[in-house]
Amino acid sequence: AVVSDLVVFKGPDGKLDGWGEKGRRAWAKFRKIVAELEVGQTVQFSYRLPRSPRHHRFFFARLAELFSRQEKFEDVERLLGWIKVGAGWADLLPGRDGVPCAIPRSIAWHQLDEQGFIEFTRAMNDFLWTPYAQAVLWPHLDEARRYEQIDSWFQGAA
């Protein structure tokens, strides 16, 4: 099994090609393998959608805005960690006493493709709409005012 990283792009002529000299060679090799497949033969490959820089910037700007509005967390990284756990973006591992402990997963640029980032963002949004999440972020407000806070934050994204 040959494992190779290949970045493909569409050129000005509308055709796909490999990125850089090494990429062009890898793309040509991949096309040759596919073209020479015999009936019934298979080839397996994985692909990764590149992360959208625009979506990435938008997400972190929105996170910073939420941080400035909330009352619970003194550090934006703690807020993000809590959101990840609440959104289910965490792994349960045994803690020091054997009790399961939620460890937030990474959303780092190089570890999560765009589709994964979209899925995380949706899970985060679902979590933030819960009365529990709103009560943590704005403990002194009543339920109606908490809802207004999160609704206002979401409206700002529109």
N, C-alpha and C. Protein backbone atom coordinates (compact mmCIF):
# COMPACT_ATOMS: atom_id res chain seq x y z
N ALA A 1 0.85 -1.18 0.00
CA ALA A 1 0.00 0.00 0.00
C ALA A 1 0.89 1.24 0.00
N VAL A 2 0.68 2.06 -0.97
CA VAL A 2 1.44 3.30 -1.10
C VAL A 2 0.62 4.43 -0.50
N VAL A 3 1.22 5.18 0.39
CA VAL A 3 0.56 6.33 0.99
C VAL A 3 1.29 7.57 0.49
N SER A 4 0.53 8.47 -0.09
CA SER A 4 1.14 9.67 -0.64
C SER A 4 0.20 10.85 -0.42
N ASP A 5 0.76 11.98 -0.05
CA ASP A 5 -0.03 13.20 0.04
C ASP A 5 -0.04 13.85 -1.32
N LEU A 6 -1.22 14.28 -1.73
CA LEU A 6 -1.38 14.88 -3.03
C LEU A 6 -2.32 16.06 -2.90
N VAL A 7 -1.86 17.22 -3.31
CA VAL A 7 -2.71 18.41 -3.32
C VAL A 7 -3.04 18.69 -4.78
N VAL A 8 -4.34 18.72 -5.07
CA VAL A 8 -4.81 18.91 -6.43
C VAL A 8 -5.52 20.26 -6.51
N PHE A 9 -5.32 20.96 -7.62
CA PHE A 9 -6.01 22.24 -7.83
C PHE A 9 -6.47 22.31 -9.27
N LYS A 10 -7.41 23.21 -9.52
CA LYS A 10 -7.89 23.43 -10.89
C LYS A 10 -7.15 24.62 -11.45
N GLY A 11 -6.49 24.41 -12.57
CA GLY A 11 -5.70 25.46 -13.21
C GLY A 11 -6.57 26.39 -14.03
N PRO A 12 -5.95 27.44 -14.56
CA PRO A 12 -6.69 28.42 -15.37
C PRO A 12 -7.34 27.80 -16.60
N ASP A 13 -6.80 26.65 -17.04
CA ASP A 13 -7.37 25.97 -18.21
C ASP A 13 -8.57 25.10 -17.84
N GLY A 14 -8.91 25.08 -16.53
CA GLY A 14 -10.05 24.29 -16.08
C GLY A 14 -9.73 22.84 -15.80
N LYS A 15 -8.46 22.46 -15.93
CA LYS A 15 -8.06 21.07 -15.71
C LYS A 15 -7.42 20.91 -14.33
N LEU A 16 -7.59 19.72 -13.77
CA LEU A 16 -6.97 19.42 -12.49
C LEU A 16 -5.50 19.09 -12.69
N ASP A 17 -4.68 19.48 -11.70
CA ASP A 17 -3.27 19.18 -11.74
C ASP A 17 -2.74 19.12 -10.30
N GLY A 18 -1.59 18.51 -10.13
CA GLY A 18 -0.96 18.46 -8.82
C GLY A 18 -0.28 19.77 -8.50
N TRP A 19 -0.22 20.09 -7.21
CA TRP A 19 0.40 21.33 -6.76
C TRP A 19 1.91 21.16 -6.64
N GLY A 20 2.66 21.96 -7.39
CA GLY A 20 4.11 21.89 -7.35
C GLY A 20 4.62 20.72 -8.19
N GLU A 21 5.92 20.68 -8.36
CA GLU A 21 6.53 19.63 -9.20
C GLU A 21 6.24 18.24 -8.65
N LYS A 22 6.45 18.04 -7.38
CA LYS A 22 6.19 16.75 -6.76
C LYS A 22 4.71 16.38 -6.89
N GLY A 23 3.84 17.36 -6.70
CA GLY A 23 2.41 17.14 -6.83
C GLY A 23 2.00 16.76 -8.25
N ARG A 24 2.63 17.39 -9.23
CA ARG A 24 2.31 17.05 -10.64
C ARG A 24 2.69 15.61 -10.94
N ARG A 25 3.84 15.17 -10.42
CA ARG A 25 4.25 13.77 -10.63
C ARG A 25 3.29 12.82 -9.93
N ALA A 26 2.91 13.15 -8.69
CA ALA A 26 1.98 12.29 -7.94
C ALA A 26 0.62 12.24 -8.61
N TRP A 27 0.15 13.36 -9.14
CA TRP A 27 -1.14 13.42 -9.83
C TRP A 27 -1.09 12.57 -11.10
N ALA A 28 -0.02 12.68 -11.84
CA ALA A 28 0.13 11.88 -13.06
C ALA A 28 0.14 10.38 -12.72
N LYS A 29 0.83 10.01 -11.66
CA LYS A 29 0.88 8.62 -11.23
C LYS A 29 -0.50 8.13 -10.82
N PHE A 30 -1.24 8.95 -10.07
CA PHE A 30 -2.59 8.58 -9.65
C PHE A 30 -3.50 8.39 -10.87
N ARG A 31 -3.45 9.32 -11.81
CA ARG A 31 -4.29 9.20 -13.01
C ARG A 31 -3.95 7.94 -13.80
N LYS A 32 -2.66 7.61 -13.87
CA LYS A 32 -2.22 6.41 -14.58
C LYS A 32 -2.77 5.15 -13.91
N ILE A 33 -2.68 5.10 -12.58
CA ILE A 33 -3.21 3.95 -11.84
C ILE A 33 -4.69 3.78 -12.11
N VAL A 34 -5.44 4.87 -12.05
CA VAL A 34 -6.89 4.80 -12.28
C VAL A 34 -7.18 4.39 -13.72
N ALA A 35 -6.46 4.95 -14.68
CA ALA A 35 -6.70 4.63 -16.10
C ALA A 35 -6.39 3.17 -16.41
N GLU A 36 -5.44 2.58 -15.70
CA GLU A 36 -5.04 1.21 -15.99
C GLU A 36 -5.79 0.16 -15.16
N LEU A 37 -6.76 0.60 -14.38
CA LEU A 37 -7.55 -0.37 -13.62
C LEU A 37 -8.26 -1.33 -14.57
N GLU A 38 -8.25 -2.60 -14.22
CA GLU A 38 -8.99 -3.58 -14.99
C GLU A 38 -10.38 -3.72 -14.38
N VAL A 39 -11.29 -4.24 -15.15
CA VAL A 39 -12.66 -4.43 -14.68
C VAL A 39 -12.63 -5.23 -13.37
N GLY A 40 -13.30 -4.71 -12.36
CA GLY A 40 -13.36 -5.38 -11.07
C GLY A 40 -12.26 -4.98 -10.10
N GLN A 41 -11.19 -4.35 -10.59
CA GLN A 41 -10.12 -3.90 -9.70
C GLN A 41 -10.58 -2.63 -8.98
N THR A 42 -10.03 -2.42 -7.82
CA THR A 42 -10.38 -1.23 -7.05
C THR A 42 -9.13 -0.46 -6.66
N VAL A 43 -9.33 0.77 -6.36
CA VAL A 43 -8.29 1.61 -5.78
C VAL A 43 -8.97 2.41 -4.67
N GLN A 44 -8.29 2.56 -3.58
CA GLN A 44 -8.86 3.31 -2.46
C GLN A 44 -8.03 4.56 -2.23
N PHE A 45 -8.72 5.66 -1.95
CA PHE A 45 -8.01 6.88 -1.61
C PHE A 45 -8.84 7.67 -0.63
N SER A 46 -8.18 8.50 0.11
CA SER A 46 -8.83 9.40 1.06
C SER A 46 -8.60 10.81 0.58
N TYR A 47 -9.51 11.68 0.94
CA TYR A 47 -9.28 13.08 0.61
C TYR A 47 -9.67 13.94 1.80
N ARG A 48 -9.19 15.12 1.79
CA ARG A 48 -9.41 16.05 2.90
C ARG A 48 -9.77 17.40 2.29
N LEU A 49 -10.92 17.91 2.71
CA LEU A 49 -11.30 19.23 2.24
C LEU A 49 -10.48 20.27 3.00
N PRO A 50 -9.85 21.17 2.30
CA PRO A 50 -9.03 22.17 2.99
C PRO A 50 -9.91 23.07 3.87
N ARG A 51 -9.35 23.52 4.93
CA ARG A 51 -10.06 24.40 5.86
C ARG A 51 -10.23 25.76 5.22
N SER A 52 -11.38 26.34 5.39
CA SER A 52 -11.66 27.66 4.85
C SER A 52 -11.08 28.73 5.77
N PRO A 53 -10.12 29.51 5.31
CA PRO A 53 -9.57 30.58 6.16
C PRO A 53 -10.66 31.57 6.59
N ARG A 54 -11.60 31.83 5.71
CA ARG A 54 -12.68 32.77 6.02
C ARG A 54 -13.56 32.23 7.15
N HIS A 55 -13.93 30.95 7.07
CA HIS A 55 -14.74 30.34 8.10
C HIS A 55 -13.97 30.30 9.42
N HIS A 56 -12.70 29.98 9.36
CA HIS A 56 -11.84 29.92 10.54
C HIS A 56 -11.81 31.28 11.24
N ARG A 57 -11.56 32.35 10.48
CA ARG A 57 -11.51 33.70 11.06
C ARG A 57 -12.87 34.10 11.64
N PHE A 58 -13.93 33.77 10.90
CA PHE A 58 -15.29 34.09 11.35
C PHE A 58 -15.58 33.40 12.68
N PHE A 59 -15.25 32.11 12.77
CA PHE A 59 -15.50 31.35 13.98
C PHE A 59 -14.80 31.99 15.18
N PHE A 60 -13.51 32.30 15.05
CA PHE A 60 -12.77 32.83 16.18
C PHE A 60 -13.17 34.26 16.52
N ALA A 61 -13.63 35.03 15.55
CA ALA A 61 -14.18 36.35 15.84
C ALA A 61 -15.47 36.21 16.63
N ARG A 62 -16.32 35.27 16.25
CA ARG A 62 -17.58 35.03 16.97
C ARG A 62 -17.30 34.51 18.38
N LEU A 63 -16.32 33.63 18.52
CA LEU A 63 -15.95 33.13 19.84
C LEU A 63 -15.50 34.28 20.74
N ALA A 64 -14.69 35.18 20.19
CA ALA A 64 -14.22 36.33 20.97
C ALA A 64 -15.40 37.22 21.38
N GLU A 65 -16.37 37.36 20.49
CA GLU A 65 -17.55 38.16 20.83
C GLU A 65 -18.36 37.49 21.94
N LEU A 66 -18.54 36.18 21.85
CA LEU A 66 -19.25 35.45 22.90
C LEU A 66 -18.50 35.59 24.23
N PHE A 67 -17.19 35.47 24.18
CA PHE A 67 -16.38 35.61 25.40
C PHE A 67 -16.62 36.97 26.05
N SER A 68 -16.68 38.02 25.24
CA SER A 68 -16.86 39.36 25.79
C SER A 68 -18.25 39.56 26.38
N ARG A 69 -19.23 38.78 25.94
CA ARG A 69 -20.61 38.92 26.43
C ARG A 69 -20.91 38.07 27.66
N GLN A 70 -20.20 36.95 27.83
CA GLN A 70 -20.53 36.00 28.90
C GLN A 70 -19.93 36.45 30.24
N GLU A 71 -20.36 35.77 31.32
CA GLU A 71 -19.97 36.20 32.66
C GLU A 71 -19.21 35.13 33.45
N LYS A 72 -19.00 33.96 32.90
CA LYS A 72 -18.49 32.83 33.65
C LYS A 72 -16.97 32.65 33.53
N PHE A 73 -16.45 32.74 32.32
CA PHE A 73 -15.07 32.36 32.04
C PHE A 73 -14.16 33.57 31.98
N GLU A 74 -12.97 33.42 32.56
CA GLU A 74 -11.98 34.50 32.56
C GLU A 74 -10.94 34.32 31.47
N ASP A 75 -11.06 33.24 30.70
CA ASP A 75 -10.08 32.92 29.66
C ASP A 75 -10.85 32.33 28.47
N VAL A 76 -10.58 32.84 27.29
CA VAL A 76 -11.30 32.37 26.10
C VAL A 76 -11.01 30.90 25.81
N GLU A 77 -9.81 30.43 26.16
CA GLU A 77 -9.47 29.01 25.95
C GLU A 77 -10.31 28.12 26.84
N ARG A 78 -10.58 28.55 28.07
CA ARG A 78 -11.44 27.78 28.98
C ARG A 78 -12.87 27.75 28.43
N LEU A 79 -13.32 28.88 27.91
CA LEU A 79 -14.65 28.93 27.30
C LEU A 79 -14.73 27.94 26.14
N LEU A 80 -13.74 27.95 25.28
CA LEU A 80 -13.73 27.05 24.14
C LEU A 80 -13.68 25.59 24.58
N GLY A 81 -12.87 25.27 25.58
CA GLY A 81 -12.81 23.90 26.09
C GLY A 81 -14.15 23.44 26.63
N TRP A 82 -14.82 24.32 27.38
CA TRP A 82 -16.14 24.00 27.93
C TRP A 82 -17.15 23.78 26.80
N ILE A 83 -17.11 24.64 25.78
CA ILE A 83 -18.01 24.49 24.63
C ILE A 83 -17.76 23.16 23.93
N LYS A 84 -16.49 22.80 23.73
CA LYS A 84 -16.17 21.53 23.08
C LYS A 84 -16.77 20.36 23.84
N VAL A 85 -16.59 20.34 25.15
CA VAL A 85 -17.13 19.25 25.97
C VAL A 85 -18.65 19.25 25.88
N GLY A 86 -19.27 20.40 26.03
CA GLY A 86 -20.73 20.49 25.98
C GLY A 86 -21.29 20.09 24.63
N ALA A 87 -20.53 20.34 23.58
CA ALA A 87 -20.96 19.99 22.23
C ALA A 87 -20.68 18.53 21.89
N GLY A 88 -20.07 17.83 22.84
CA GLY A 88 -19.74 16.43 22.59
C GLY A 88 -18.47 16.25 21.78
N TRP A 89 -17.71 17.32 21.64
CA TRP A 89 -16.46 17.28 20.87
C TRP A 89 -15.32 16.95 21.85
N ALA A 90 -15.43 15.77 22.46
CA ALA A 90 -14.48 15.36 23.49
C ALA A 90 -14.41 13.84 23.54
N ASP A 91 -13.35 13.35 24.10
CA ASP A 91 -13.18 11.92 24.33
C ASP A 91 -13.26 11.68 25.83
N LEU A 92 -13.93 10.60 26.22
CA LEU A 92 -14.00 10.23 27.62
C LEU A 92 -12.88 9.26 27.93
N LEU A 93 -12.04 9.65 28.86
CA LEU A 93 -10.91 8.82 29.29
C LEU A 93 -10.97 8.67 30.80
N PRO A 94 -10.45 7.57 31.32
CA PRO A 94 -10.46 7.42 32.77
C PRO A 94 -9.56 8.46 33.43
N GLY A 95 -10.11 9.10 34.46
CA GLY A 95 -9.35 10.08 35.22
C GLY A 95 -8.49 9.41 36.27
N ARG A 96 -7.91 10.21 37.12
CA ARG A 96 -7.00 9.72 38.15
C ARG A 96 -7.66 8.66 39.04
N ASP A 97 -8.95 8.85 39.33
CA ASP A 97 -9.66 7.91 40.20
C ASP A 97 -10.49 6.89 39.41
N GLY A 98 -10.30 6.85 38.10
CA GLY A 98 -11.00 5.89 37.26
C GLY A 98 -12.33 6.41 36.74
N VAL A 99 -12.79 7.54 37.26
CA VAL A 99 -14.04 8.13 36.80
C VAL A 99 -13.79 8.77 35.42
N PRO A 100 -14.70 8.55 34.45
CA PRO A 100 -14.49 9.14 33.12
C PRO A 100 -14.35 10.66 33.18
N CYS A 101 -13.43 11.14 32.39
CA CYS A 101 -13.11 12.56 32.32
C CYS A 101 -13.15 12.98 30.84
N ALA A 102 -13.85 14.06 30.53
CA ALA A 102 -13.97 14.53 29.15
C ALA A 102 -12.74 15.35 28.77
N ILE A 103 -12.07 14.93 27.72
CA ILE A 103 -10.90 15.64 27.19
C ILE A 103 -11.30 16.24 25.85
N PRO A 104 -11.34 17.58 25.76
CA PRO A 104 -11.75 18.22 24.50
C PRO A 104 -10.84 17.82 23.33
N ARG A 105 -11.46 17.58 22.18
CA ARG A 105 -10.69 17.29 20.96
C ARG A 105 -10.18 18.59 20.36
N SER A 106 -9.17 18.45 19.55
CA SER A 106 -8.58 19.61 18.88
C SER A 106 -9.44 20.06 17.70
N ILE A 107 -9.45 21.36 17.49
CA ILE A 107 -10.02 21.91 16.26
C ILE A 107 -8.92 22.65 15.50
N ALA A 108 -7.67 22.28 15.78
CA ALA A 108 -6.52 22.93 15.15
C ALA A 108 -6.61 22.82 13.63
N TRP A 109 -6.14 23.84 12.98
CA TRP A 109 -6.18 23.96 11.52
C TRP A 109 -5.69 22.70 10.83
N HIS A 110 -4.54 22.18 11.26
CA HIS A 110 -3.91 21.05 10.59
C HIS A 110 -4.51 19.70 11.00
N GLN A 111 -5.38 19.68 12.02
CA GLN A 111 -5.92 18.41 12.48
C GLN A 111 -7.38 18.19 12.12
N LEU A 112 -8.04 19.20 11.64
CA LEU A 112 -9.47 19.10 11.36
C LEU A 112 -9.76 19.74 10.02
N ASP A 113 -10.35 18.97 9.11
CA ASP A 113 -10.67 19.54 7.80
C ASP A 113 -11.94 20.39 7.89
N GLU A 114 -12.32 20.99 6.79
CA GLU A 114 -13.46 21.91 6.78
C GLU A 114 -14.76 21.22 7.17
N GLN A 115 -14.99 20.00 6.67
CA GLN A 115 -16.23 19.31 7.01
C GLN A 115 -16.30 19.02 8.52
N GLY A 116 -15.19 18.61 9.10
CA GLY A 116 -15.16 18.39 10.54
C GLY A 116 -15.39 19.67 11.32
N PHE A 117 -14.83 20.77 10.82
CA PHE A 117 -15.01 22.07 11.47
C PHE A 117 -16.47 22.51 11.41
N ILE A 118 -17.11 22.25 10.27
CA ILE A 118 -18.54 22.55 10.13
C ILE A 118 -19.36 21.73 11.11
N GLU A 119 -19.04 20.45 11.23
CA GLU A 119 -19.76 19.58 12.16
C GLU A 119 -19.58 20.05 13.60
N PHE A 120 -18.35 20.42 13.96
CA PHE A 120 -18.12 20.94 15.30
C PHE A 120 -18.93 22.22 15.53
N THR A 121 -18.92 23.13 14.56
CA THR A 121 -19.64 24.40 14.71
C THR A 121 -21.13 24.15 14.91
N ARG A 122 -21.69 23.21 14.17
CA ARG A 122 -23.12 22.89 14.34
C ARG A 122 -23.39 22.34 15.73
N ALA A 123 -22.53 21.44 16.20
CA ALA A 123 -22.71 20.86 17.54
C ALA A 123 -22.58 21.95 18.61
N MET A 124 -21.65 22.87 18.42
CA MET A 124 -21.47 23.98 19.34
C MET A 124 -22.74 24.84 19.38
N ASN A 125 -23.26 25.18 18.22
CA ASN A 125 -24.46 26.01 18.17
C ASN A 125 -25.63 25.32 18.86
N ASP A 126 -25.80 24.03 18.61
CA ASP A 126 -26.87 23.27 19.28
C ASP A 126 -26.70 23.34 20.79
N PHE A 127 -25.49 23.17 21.28
CA PHE A 127 -25.21 23.22 22.71
C PHE A 127 -25.53 24.59 23.29
N LEU A 128 -25.10 25.65 22.61
CA LEU A 128 -25.30 27.00 23.14
C LEU A 128 -26.77 27.39 23.23
N TRP A 129 -27.63 26.73 22.45
CA TRP A 129 -29.07 27.00 22.54
C TRP A 129 -29.72 26.32 23.75
N THR A 130 -29.01 25.45 24.44
CA THR A 130 -29.62 24.75 25.57
C THR A 130 -29.74 25.69 26.78
N PRO A 131 -30.81 25.51 27.56
CA PRO A 131 -30.95 26.32 28.78
C PRO A 131 -29.76 26.12 29.73
N TYR A 132 -29.20 24.92 29.78
CA TYR A 132 -28.04 24.67 30.65
C TYR A 132 -26.86 25.56 30.26
N ALA A 133 -26.51 25.58 28.98
CA ALA A 133 -25.38 26.39 28.53
C ALA A 133 -25.62 27.87 28.81
N GLN A 134 -26.82 28.32 28.56
CA GLN A 134 -27.15 29.72 28.80
C GLN A 134 -27.07 30.06 30.28
N ALA A 135 -27.48 29.13 31.15
CA ALA A 135 -27.42 29.36 32.60
C ALA A 135 -25.97 29.44 33.08
N VAL A 136 -25.08 28.68 32.45
CA VAL A 136 -23.66 28.75 32.83
C VAL A 136 -23.07 30.08 32.38
N LEU A 137 -23.40 30.51 31.19
CA LEU A 137 -22.81 31.74 30.64
C LEU A 137 -23.33 33.01 31.33
N TRP A 138 -24.62 32.99 31.73
CA TRP A 138 -25.23 34.16 32.34
C TRP A 138 -26.01 33.74 33.59
N PRO A 139 -25.28 33.37 34.65
CA PRO A 139 -25.93 32.81 35.84
C PRO A 139 -26.87 33.77 36.56
N HIS A 140 -26.65 35.06 36.48
CA HIS A 140 -27.49 36.00 37.23
C HIS A 140 -28.78 36.38 36.50
N LEU A 141 -28.90 36.00 35.22
CA LEU A 141 -30.09 36.38 34.45
C LEU A 141 -31.17 35.31 34.54
N ASP A 142 -32.42 35.74 34.34
CA ASP A 142 -33.50 34.75 34.29
C ASP A 142 -33.48 34.09 32.91
N GLU A 143 -34.28 33.04 32.76
CA GLU A 143 -34.25 32.24 31.53
C GLU A 143 -34.54 33.06 30.28
N ALA A 144 -35.51 33.96 30.36
CA ALA A 144 -35.87 34.78 29.20
C ALA A 144 -34.71 35.68 28.77
N ARG A 145 -34.05 36.31 29.74
CA ARG A 145 -32.92 37.19 29.42
C ARG A 145 -31.73 36.40 28.89
N ARG A 146 -31.51 35.19 29.41
CA ARG A 146 -30.43 34.34 28.89
C ARG A 146 -30.68 34.03 27.43
N TYR A 147 -31.92 33.67 27.13
CA TYR A 147 -32.29 33.36 25.76
C TYR A 147 -32.04 34.58 24.86
N GLU A 148 -32.41 35.77 25.35
CA GLU A 148 -32.18 36.99 24.57
C GLU A 148 -30.69 37.20 24.31
N GLN A 149 -29.87 36.88 25.30
CA GLN A 149 -28.42 37.04 25.14
C GLN A 149 -27.88 36.16 24.01
N ILE A 150 -28.26 34.89 24.04
CA ILE A 150 -27.73 33.98 23.01
C ILE A 150 -28.35 34.29 21.65
N ASP A 151 -29.64 34.66 21.65
CA ASP A 151 -30.30 35.01 20.40
C ASP A 151 -29.64 36.24 19.78
N SER A 152 -29.33 37.21 20.60
CA SER A 152 -28.66 38.42 20.11
C SER A 152 -27.29 38.07 19.52
N TRP A 153 -26.58 37.18 20.20
CA TRP A 153 -25.26 36.77 19.69
C TRP A 153 -25.41 36.06 18.35
N PHE A 154 -26.39 35.15 18.23
CA PHE A 154 -26.60 34.47 16.96
C PHE A 154 -27.06 35.42 15.87
N GLN A 155 -27.90 36.40 16.20
CA GLN A 155 -28.36 37.36 15.21
C GLN A 155 -27.19 38.18 14.67
N GLY A 156 -26.20 38.41 15.50
CA GLY A 156 -25.01 39.15 15.06
C GLY A 156 -24.22 38.41 14.01
N ALA A 157 -24.44 37.09 13.91
CA ALA A 157 -23.71 36.29 12.92
C ALA A 157 -24.41 36.30 11.57
N ALA A 158 -25.64 36.75 11.55
CA ALA A 158 -26.43 36.70 10.30
C ALA A 158 -25.99 37.73 9.31
